Protein backbone atom coordinates (compact mmCIF):
# COMPACT_ATOMS: atom_id res chain seq x y z
CA UNK A 1 -31.97 102.37 -40.09
CA UNK A 2 -30.53 105.69 -39.41
CA UNK A 3 -34.21 107.13 -38.33
CA UNK A 4 -33.53 104.56 -35.43
CA UNK A 5 -30.26 105.18 -34.59
CA UNK A 6 -31.14 108.84 -34.38
CA UNK A 7 -34.04 108.23 -32.00
CA UNK A 8 -31.79 106.16 -29.61
CA UNK A 9 -29.15 108.88 -29.95
CA UNK A 10 -32.05 111.47 -28.76
CA UNK A 11 -33.42 108.97 -26.10
CA UNK A 12 -36.68 108.96 -27.70
CA UNK A 13 -37.56 105.45 -26.09
CA UNK A 14 -41.37 106.02 -28.18
CA UNK A 15 -40.15 106.44 -31.63
CA UNK A 16 -37.52 103.96 -31.16
CA UNK A 17 -40.17 101.43 -30.18
CA UNK A 18 -42.35 102.21 -33.04
CA UNK A 19 -39.49 101.93 -35.26
CA UNK A 20 -38.43 98.33 -33.94
CA UNK A 21 -41.79 97.13 -34.69
CA UNK A 22 -42.18 98.48 -37.96
CA UNK A 23 -38.94 96.71 -38.82
CA UNK A 24 -39.98 93.46 -37.22
CA UNK A 25 -43.48 93.70 -39.47
CA UNK A 26 -40.88 94.74 -42.60
CA UNK A 27 -39.09 91.24 -41.36
CA UNK A 28 -42.40 89.37 -40.95
CA UNK A 29 -43.47 90.41 -44.37
CA UNK A 30 -40.32 89.48 -46.17
CA UNK A 31 -40.64 86.16 -44.28
CA UNK A 32 -44.21 85.09 -45.66
CA UNK A 33 -42.90 86.48 -49.32
CA UNK A 34 -39.55 84.20 -48.97
CA UNK A 35 -41.92 81.33 -47.49
CA UNK A 36 -44.37 81.92 -50.59
CA UNK A 37 -41.71 81.85 -53.52
CA UNK A 38 -39.83 78.84 -51.58
CA UNK A 39 -43.41 77.01 -51.82
CA UNK A 40 -43.20 78.02 -55.47
CA UNK A 41 -39.98 76.77 -56.30
CA UNK A 42 -40.52 73.18 -54.83
CA UNK A 43 -43.59 73.10 -56.86
CA UNK A 44 -42.25 73.99 -59.89
CA UNK A 45 -39.11 71.45 -59.10
CA UNK A 46 -41.64 68.79 -57.78
CA UNK A 47 -43.91 69.51 -61.05
CA UNK A 48 -40.41 68.74 -63.59
CA UNK A 49 -39.35 65.80 -61.72
CA UNK A 50 -42.89 64.24 -61.90
CA UNK A 51 -42.89 65.10 -65.81
CA UNK A 52 -39.83 63.94 -66.52
CA UNK A 53 -40.11 60.85 -64.22
CA UNK A 54 -43.25 60.27 -66.54
CA UNK A 55 -41.86 60.71 -69.70
CA UNK A 56 -38.87 57.86 -68.84
CA UNK A 57 -41.48 55.63 -67.72
CA UNK A 58 -43.18 56.13 -71.04
CA UNK A 59 -39.86 55.83 -72.94
CA UNK A 60 -38.95 52.62 -71.16
CA UNK A 61 -42.69 51.07 -71.40
CA UNK A 62 -42.06 51.89 -75.45
CA UNK A 63 -38.95 50.19 -75.82
CA UNK A 64 -39.97 47.37 -73.72
CA UNK A 65 -42.85 47.17 -76.10
CA UNK A 66 -40.87 46.98 -79.18
CA UNK A 67 -38.11 45.09 -77.90
CA UNK A 68 -41.00 42.42 -77.59
CA UNK A 69 -42.45 43.19 -80.67
CA UNK A 70 -39.03 42.74 -82.21
CA UNK A 71 -38.55 39.41 -80.55
CA UNK A 72 -41.53 38.12 -81.92
CA UNK A 73 -40.96 38.83 -85.37
CA UNK A 74 -37.31 37.04 -85.12
CA UNK A 75 -39.17 34.18 -83.86
CA UNK A 76 -41.61 34.22 -86.51
CA UNK A 77 -38.88 34.47 -89.11
CA UNK A 78 -36.93 31.52 -87.65
CA UNK A 79 -39.80 29.58 -87.53
CA UNK A 80 -40.64 30.25 -91.52
CA UNK A 81 -36.96 29.85 -92.06
CA UNK A 82 -37.15 26.30 -90.51
CA UNK A 83 -40.58 25.44 -92.42
CA UNK A 84 -39.09 26.76 -95.48
CA UNK A 85 -35.77 23.85 -95.14
CA UNK A 86 -38.09 21.36 -94.08
CA UNK A 87 -40.46 21.63 -96.80
CA UNK A 88 -37.42 22.02 -99.64
CA UNK A 89 -36.09 18.66 -97.71
CA UNK A 90 -39.33 16.98 -98.47
CA UNK A 91 -39.68 18.51 -101.93
CA UNK A 92 -36.20 17.03 -102.93
CA UNK A 93 -37.08 13.59 -101.29
CA UNK A 94 -39.87 13.20 -103.35
CA UNK A 95 -38.48 14.04 -106.34
CA UNK A 96 -35.85 11.83 -105.37
CA UNK A 97 -38.57 9.08 -105.06
CA UNK A 98 -39.80 9.53 -108.55
């Protein structure tokens, strides 16, 4: 920027024009770098979001499967108790009939 000011004060329009083109090229280059970094950061955030979403979905499915398995086990255990109670009643009735 100091050289540009000096060229403008000296009235050297060609040097000033060349320097503004250099500055413009540097801005374009920095804009390209910024765009590349922004794209990279957004892609990383998307990958993390996708990974955690997948992890949550897998956890929910695992918990659902375990809950379903637990409900079936409780149902079987309840049916087993009812069967045991009924067979005990029948056994005591047969003993009473003897």
